[in-house]
Structures are given as structure tokens and as C-alpha cells.
Amino acid sequence: MKVVMVEPNKPAYVTEIGHDYKSLQEAVGGGLIEPIGFLNDPHAIMVGNEEVKLRNMEGNRRFLEGIVAGPFFICGDDGEDFCSLTDEQCEKYARQFAIPESITQAEVEDDMKIEISFF
């Protein structure tokens, strides 16, 4: 599956990863994978590690919604499954995340929160 990989302290790059769950886990540093909805793009999604802040992984990128820590990748979203990005999407997201950000561990810790919703 063709994705854009975004790692702490590195420019984003286009790469291929397996489509199976184990490959997805390995791409985000092991642990549970988690879709992250910060892109606001119905055809692409960020996928990260659900446990990164608990595992003290490095801060990666800032968003209005908060800090994403640890490695994450951006893949296509066909509404049912993860899929490869198009060449245009690869170019767009590689450019968007080309500049690494310096994020302290204190900033990552300050960003940790738990949200509880009552229905």
C-alpha cells in the first residue's frame, strides 16, 4: 500500500507498507493502530499508534486538535478500508509534512487528555 510516512524529526516521505494488520502496527512503532481524523479529507486518513503518549514517544507534528506523537502514516480511505494514496495525494501530503517540527516531551505530556462522552 502506497503511503506517506511521517516520523518525528524527519521530513515526510512516500513509501510502501503491507496492507495486513501486523505491517500497519510496525509502521507506527508497534502497539494498537488508531485512525486520526485531523486531515479533514474524506479520501485520506492518518493512522498512528494509540499508545504513543503512554509509551513516551517523541512529539511529531502539531495540529489545531493537538499534538501527534510517534510515527504516523497517511493512506487512502475508500470508505471501507485503508488503501493506497494516489500520486497527487502523495505529493500533497509529502509537501504538507516536509518540515519536521521540534516538540518537547513536556509539550507532549501537557497535550495528554482523556475525553469522556455521555450519551
Protein backbone atom coordinates (compact mmCIF):
# COMPACT_ATOMS: atom_id res chain seq x y z
CA MET A 1 0.00 0.00 0.00
CA LYS A 2 1.46 3.37 -1.01
CA VAL A 3 1.51 5.82 1.92
CA VAL A 4 3.19 8.98 3.16
CA MET A 5 5.19 8.20 6.29
CA VAL A 6 5.66 10.98 8.85
CA GLU A 7 8.23 10.35 11.57
CA PRO A 8 9.42 12.64 14.36
CA ASN A 9 12.30 14.94 13.36
CA LYS A 10 12.23 13.81 9.70
CA PRO A 11 10.66 15.11 6.51
CA ALA A 12 7.68 13.07 5.30
CA TYR A 13 8.36 10.54 2.55
CA VAL A 14 6.44 8.23 0.25
CA THR A 15 6.86 4.51 0.91
CA GLU A 16 5.11 1.16 0.58
CA ILE A 17 3.82 -0.84 3.54
CA GLY A 18 1.88 -4.07 3.75
CA HIS A 19 -1.89 -3.92 4.00
CA ASP A 20 -2.08 -6.53 6.78
CA TYR A 21 -2.57 -5.52 10.42
CA LYS A 22 0.95 -6.51 11.51
CA SER A 23 2.51 -4.28 8.83
CA LEU A 24 0.28 -1.37 9.87
CA GLN A 25 1.33 -1.85 13.50
CA GLU A 26 5.03 -1.99 12.59
CA ALA A 27 4.73 1.23 10.59
CA VAL A 28 3.56 3.14 13.70
CA GLY A 29 6.07 1.67 16.16
CA GLY A 30 4.13 -1.37 17.33
CA GLY A 31 1.06 -1.43 19.52
CA LEU A 32 -2.52 -0.67 18.58
CA ILE A 33 -3.24 1.31 15.42
CA GLU A 34 -5.58 4.29 15.59
CA PRO A 35 -7.16 6.32 12.79
CA ILE A 36 -6.60 10.02 13.45
CA GLY A 37 -9.13 12.36 11.85
CA PHE A 38 -7.01 15.55 11.68
CA LEU A 39 -6.78 15.79 7.87
CA ASN A 40 -10.39 16.69 7.06
CA ASP A 41 -10.06 14.76 3.81
CA PRO A 42 -12.74 12.15 3.01
CA HIS A 43 -10.30 10.24 0.78
CA ALA A 44 -7.27 10.06 3.10
CA ILE A 45 -6.67 9.29 6.75
CA MET A 46 -3.81 9.48 9.23
CA VAL A 47 -3.03 6.29 11.11
CA GLY A 48 -0.97 6.33 14.28
CA ASN A 49 -0.27 4.36 17.41
CA GLU A 50 -2.98 4.58 20.06
CA GLU A 51 -0.43 4.22 22.87
CA VAL A 52 2.28 6.67 21.75
CA LYS A 53 1.87 9.22 24.53
CA LEU A 54 1.68 6.50 27.16
CA ARG A 55 4.88 5.00 25.71
CA ASN A 56 6.65 8.38 25.82
CA MET A 57 7.24 8.53 22.08
CA GLU A 58 8.58 11.78 20.64
CA GLY A 59 6.30 14.57 19.51
CA ASN A 60 5.87 14.57 15.76
CA ARG A 61 3.55 17.29 14.40
CA ARG A 62 1.16 19.91 15.80
CA PHE A 63 -2.44 20.24 14.71
CA LEU A 64 -5.24 22.52 15.90
CA GLU A 65 -6.68 19.47 17.69
CA GLY A 66 -3.43 18.65 19.50
CA ILE A 67 -0.01 17.08 19.15
CA VAL A 68 0.52 13.78 17.38
CA ALA A 69 3.42 11.82 18.83
CA GLY A 70 5.33 8.92 17.34
CA PRO A 71 5.34 7.90 13.70
CA PHE A 72 2.16 8.00 11.67
CA PHE A 73 1.29 7.37 8.05
CA ILE A 74 -1.28 8.79 5.70
CA CYS A 75 -3.11 6.37 3.46
CA GLY A 76 -6.15 6.42 1.25
CA ASP A 77 -9.63 5.83 2.68
CA ASP A 78 -12.19 4.31 0.35
CA GLY A 79 -14.96 4.42 2.98
CA GLU A 80 -14.48 0.77 3.92
CA ASP A 81 -10.75 0.07 4.09
CA PHE A 82 -7.36 1.69 4.02
CA CYS A 83 -5.91 1.85 0.51
CA SER A 84 -3.00 3.34 -1.43
CA LEU A 85 -2.77 7.07 -1.94
CA THR A 86 -2.85 8.46 -5.46
CA ASP A 87 0.31 10.11 -6.79
CA GLU A 88 -1.36 13.50 -6.32
CA GLN A 89 -2.20 12.72 -2.68
CA CYS A 90 1.36 11.51 -2.06
CA GLU A 91 2.74 14.76 -3.42
CA LYS A 92 0.26 16.87 -1.42
CA TYR A 93 0.92 15.19 1.95
CA ALA A 94 4.68 14.79 1.47
CA ARG A 95 4.81 18.53 0.82
CA GLN A 96 2.46 19.35 3.73
CA PHE A 97 4.63 17.43 6.24
CA ALA A 98 8.03 18.13 4.65
CA ILE A 99 9.31 20.27 7.51
CA PRO A 100 9.90 18.45 10.82
CA GLU A 101 8.74 20.21 13.98
CA SER A 102 10.61 20.46 17.25
CA ILE A 103 8.25 19.38 20.04
CA THR A 104 9.42 18.89 23.62
CA GLN A 105 8.40 15.94 25.75
CA ALA A 106 6.79 18.43 28.16
CA GLU A 107 4.53 19.67 25.31
CA VAL A 108 3.55 16.08 24.53
CA GLU A 109 2.73 15.38 28.18
CA ASP A 110 0.74 18.62 28.50
CA ASP A 111 -1.32 17.56 25.48
CA MET A 112 -2.37 14.20 27.00
CA LYS A 113 -6.05 14.13 27.84
CA ILE A 114 -8.96 11.77 28.19
CA GLU A 115 -12.36 12.68 26.80
CA ILE A 116 -15.48 11.10 28.24
CA SER A 117 -18.75 11.37 26.37
CA PHE A 118 -22.16 10.67 27.85
CA PHE A 119 -24.95 9.66 25.51
